[in-house]
Amino acid sequence: VVCADSAVYAEGPARPTGGAAAVAMLIGPHAPIVFESKYR
């Protein structure tokens, strides 16, 4: 799974806080990292 986000603001004082991020996750029965949640 690959997810991405980008934030672009209009000219003004908020513009320097804009940015981007991305994450890639390997999901499957033998994935090297396991995340557990209280929600299923």
PDB file of N, CA and C in Angstrom:
ATOM      1  N   VAL A   1       0.857  -1.157   0.000  1.00  0.00           N
ATOM      2  CA  VAL A   1       0.000   0.000   0.000  1.00  0.00           C
ATOM      3  C   VAL A   1       0.905   1.221   0.000  1.00  0.00           C
ATOM      4  N   VAL A   2       0.626   2.162  -0.876  1.00  0.00           N
ATOM      5  CA  VAL A   2       1.362   3.424  -0.926  1.00  0.00           C
ATOM      6  C   VAL A   2       0.347   4.545  -0.779  1.00  0.00           C
ATOM      7  N   CYS A   3       0.596   5.469   0.164  1.00  0.00           N
ATOM      8  CA  CYS A   3      -0.282   6.614   0.394  1.00  0.00           C
ATOM      9  C   CYS A   3       0.542   7.887   0.319  1.00  0.00           C
ATOM     10  N   ALA A   4      -0.049   8.959  -0.181  1.00  0.00           N
ATOM     11  CA  ALA A   4       0.656  10.237  -0.269  1.00  0.00           C
ATOM     12  C   ALA A   4      -0.308  11.378   0.018  1.00  0.00           C
ATOM     13  N   ASP A   5       0.260  12.506   0.459  1.00  0.00           N
ATOM     14  CA  ASP A   5      -0.521  13.691   0.771  1.00  0.00           C
ATOM     15  C   ASP A   5       0.321  14.907   0.432  1.00  0.00           C
ATOM     16  N   SER A   6      -0.316  15.943  -0.028  1.00  0.00           N
ATOM     17  CA  SER A   6       0.389  17.181  -0.353  1.00  0.00           C
ATOM     18  C   SER A   6      -0.468  18.350   0.106  1.00  0.00           C
ATOM     19  N   ALA A   7       0.149  19.320   0.777  1.00  0.00           N
ATOM     20  CA  ALA A   7      -0.566  20.504   1.248  1.00  0.00           C
ATOM     21  C   ALA A   7       0.086  21.741   0.641  1.00  0.00           C
ATOM     22  N   VAL A   8      -0.698  22.508  -0.095  1.00  0.00           N
ATOM     23  CA  VAL A   8      -0.208  23.743  -0.705  1.00  0.00           C
ATOM     24  C   VAL A   8      -1.166  24.853  -0.293  1.00  0.00           C
ATOM     25  N   TYR A   9      -0.617  25.900   0.286  1.00  0.00           N
ATOM     26  CA  TYR A   9      -1.427  27.017   0.758  1.00  0.00           C
ATOM     27  C   TYR A   9      -1.218  28.235  -0.130  1.00  0.00           C
ATOM     28  N   ALA A  10      -2.180  29.125  -0.124  1.00  0.00           N
ATOM     29  CA  ALA A  10      -2.077  30.369  -0.888  1.00  0.00           C
ATOM     30  C   ALA A  10      -0.967  31.245  -0.311  1.00  0.00           C
ATOM     31  N   GLU A  11      -0.579  32.244  -1.063  1.00  0.00           N
ATOM     32  CA  GLU A  11       0.429  33.203  -0.585  1.00  0.00           C
ATOM     33  C   GLU A  11      -0.008  33.763   0.764  1.00  0.00           C
ATOM     34  N   GLY A  12       0.935  33.938   1.661  1.00  0.00           N
ATOM     35  CA  GLY A  12       0.627  34.493   2.971  1.00  0.00           C
ATOM     36  C   GLY A  12       1.425  33.800   4.056  1.00  0.00           C
ATOM     37  N   PRO A  13       1.128  34.092   5.317  1.00  0.00           N
ATOM     38  CA  PRO A  13       1.931  33.569   6.423  1.00  0.00           C
ATOM     39  C   PRO A  13       1.844  32.055   6.617  1.00  0.00           C
ATOM     40  N   ALA A  14       0.791  31.399   6.132  1.00  0.00           N
ATOM     41  CA  ALA A  14       0.662  29.951   6.318  1.00  0.00           C
ATOM     42  C   ALA A  14       1.465  29.160   5.294  1.00  0.00           C
ATOM     43  N   ARG A  15       1.919  29.794   4.229  1.00  0.00           N
ATOM     44  CA  ARG A  15       2.577  29.066   3.139  1.00  0.00           C
ATOM     45  C   ARG A  15       3.787  28.242   3.598  1.00  0.00           C
ATOM     46  N   PRO A  16       4.665  28.713   4.490  1.00  0.00           N
ATOM     47  CA  PRO A  16       5.815  27.885   4.885  1.00  0.00           C
ATOM     48  C   PRO A  16       5.434  26.583   5.591  1.00  0.00           C
ATOM     49  N   THR A  17       4.199  26.461   6.071  1.00  0.00           N
ATOM     50  CA  THR A  17       3.793  25.230   6.755  1.00  0.00           C
ATOM     51  C   THR A  17       3.314  24.158   5.783  1.00  0.00           C
ATOM     52  N   GLY A  18       3.224  24.467   4.498  1.00  0.00           N
ATOM     53  CA  GLY A  18       2.816  23.474   3.501  1.00  0.00           C
ATOM     54  C   GLY A  18       3.876  22.396   3.379  1.00  0.00           C
ATOM     55  N   GLY A  19       3.505  21.254   2.876  1.00  0.00           N
ATOM     56  CA  GLY A  19       4.478  20.174   2.728  1.00  0.00           C
ATOM     57  C   GLY A  19       3.851  18.952   2.100  1.00  0.00           C
ATOM     58  N   ALA A  20       4.599  17.875   2.134  1.00  0.00           N
ATOM     59  CA  ALA A  20       4.131  16.625   1.550  1.00  0.00           C
ATOM     60  C   ALA A  20       4.653  15.456   2.383  1.00  0.00           C
ATOM     61  N   ALA A  21       3.976  14.331   2.278  1.00  0.00           N
ATOM     62  CA  ALA A  21       4.395  13.129   2.999  1.00  0.00           C
ATOM     63  C   ALA A  21       3.979  11.907   2.197  1.00  0.00           C
ATOM     64  N   ALA A  22       4.653  10.805   2.449  1.00  0.00           N
ATOM     65  CA  ALA A  22       4.309   9.547   1.790  1.00  0.00           C
ATOM     66  C   ALA A  22       4.708   8.390   2.694  1.00  0.00           C
ATOM     67  N   VAL A  23       4.010   7.274   2.542  1.00  0.00           N
ATOM     68  CA  VAL A  23       4.329   6.072   3.300  1.00  0.00           C
ATOM     69  C   VAL A  23       4.060   4.863   2.408  1.00  0.00           C
ATOM     70  N   ALA A  24       4.898   3.857   2.546  1.00  0.00           N
ATOM     71  CA  ALA A  24       4.703   2.593   1.829  1.00  0.00           C
ATOM     72  C   ALA A  24       4.692   1.476   2.867  1.00  0.00           C
ATOM     73  N   MET A  25       3.694   0.598   2.805  1.00  0.00           N
ATOM     74  CA  MET A  25       3.560  -0.476   3.786  1.00  0.00           C
ATOM     75  C   MET A  25       3.497  -1.829   3.083  1.00  0.00           C
ATOM     76  N   LEU A  26       4.242  -2.779   3.609  1.00  0.00           N
ATOM     77  CA  LEU A  26       4.171  -4.156   3.129  1.00  0.00           C
ATOM     78  C   LEU A  26       3.161  -4.878   4.010  1.00  0.00           C
ATOM     79  N   ILE A  27       2.076  -5.344   3.410  1.00  0.00           N
ATOM     80  CA  ILE A  27       0.998  -5.973   4.164  1.00  0.00           C
ATOM     81  C   ILE A  27       0.855  -7.423   3.720  1.00  0.00           C
ATOM     82  N   GLY A  28       0.845  -8.319   4.689  1.00  0.00           N
ATOM     83  CA  GLY A  28       0.667  -9.724   4.375  1.00  0.00           C
ATOM     84  C   GLY A  28       0.893 -10.579   5.601  1.00  0.00           C
ATOM     85  N   PRO A  29       0.697 -11.882   5.500  1.00  0.00           N
ATOM     86  CA  PRO A  29       0.819 -12.761   6.660  1.00  0.00           C
ATOM     87  C   PRO A  29       2.246 -12.878   7.188  1.00  0.00           C
ATOM     88  N   HIS A  30       3.259 -12.581   6.385  1.00  0.00           N
ATOM     89  CA  HIS A  30       4.646 -12.696   6.833  1.00  0.00           C
ATOM     90  C   HIS A  30       5.376 -11.355   6.753  1.00  0.00           C
ATOM     91  N   ALA A  31       4.665 -10.274   7.003  1.00  0.00           N
ATOM     92  CA  ALA A  31       5.267  -8.938   6.965  1.00  0.00           C
ATOM     93  C   ALA A  31       6.302  -8.819   8.079  1.00  0.00           C
ATOM     94  N   PRO A  32       7.396  -8.069   7.867  1.00  0.00           N
ATOM     95  CA  PRO A  32       8.463  -7.965   8.862  1.00  0.00           C
ATOM     96  C   PRO A  32       8.086  -7.165  10.110  1.00  0.00           C
ATOM     97  N   ILE A  33       7.024  -6.356  10.060  1.00  0.00           N
ATOM     98  CA  ILE A  33       6.589  -5.557  11.210  1.00  0.00           C
ATOM     99  C   ILE A  33       5.101  -5.817  11.414  1.00  0.00           C
ATOM    100  N   VAL A  34       4.686  -5.953  12.667  1.00  0.00           N
ATOM    101  CA  VAL A  34       3.282  -6.190  12.979  1.00  0.00           C
ATOM    102  C   VAL A  34       2.760  -5.019  13.795  1.00  0.00           C
ATOM    103  N   PHE A  35       1.675  -4.414  13.339  1.00  0.00           N
ATOM    104  CA  PHE A  35       1.009  -3.340  14.069  1.00  0.00           C
ATOM    105  C   PHE A  35      -0.281  -3.908  14.621  1.00  0.00           C
ATOM    106  N   GLU A  36      -0.490  -3.756  15.919  1.00  0.00           N
ATOM    107  CA  GLU A  36      -1.714  -4.249  16.524  1.00  0.00           C
ATOM    108  C   GLU A  36      -2.548  -3.067  16.973  1.00  0.00           C
ATOM    109  N   SER A  37      -3.837  -3.183  16.815  1.00  0.00           N
ATOM    110  CA  SER A  37      -4.761  -2.124  17.184  1.00  0.00           C
ATOM    111  C   SER A  37      -5.846  -2.702  18.078  1.00  0.00           C
ATOM    112  N   LYS A  38      -6.402  -1.849  18.937  1.00  0.00           N
ATOM    113  CA  LYS A  38      -7.508  -2.325  19.760  1.00  0.00           C
ATOM    114  C   LYS A  38      -8.793  -2.423  18.942  1.00  0.00           C
ATOM    115  N   TYR A  39      -8.787  -1.870  17.716  1.00  0.00           N
ATOM    116  CA  TYR A  39      -9.938  -1.951  16.815  1.00  0.00           C
ATOM    117  C   TYR A  39      -9.684  -3.026  15.778  1.00  0.00           C
ATOM    118  N   ARG A  40     -10.643  -3.877  15.542  1.00  0.00           N
ATOM    119  CA  ARG A  40     -10.499  -4.924  14.524  1.00  0.00           C
ATOM    120  C   ARG A  40     -11.672  -4.919  13.599  1.00  0.00           C
TER     121      ARG A  40
END
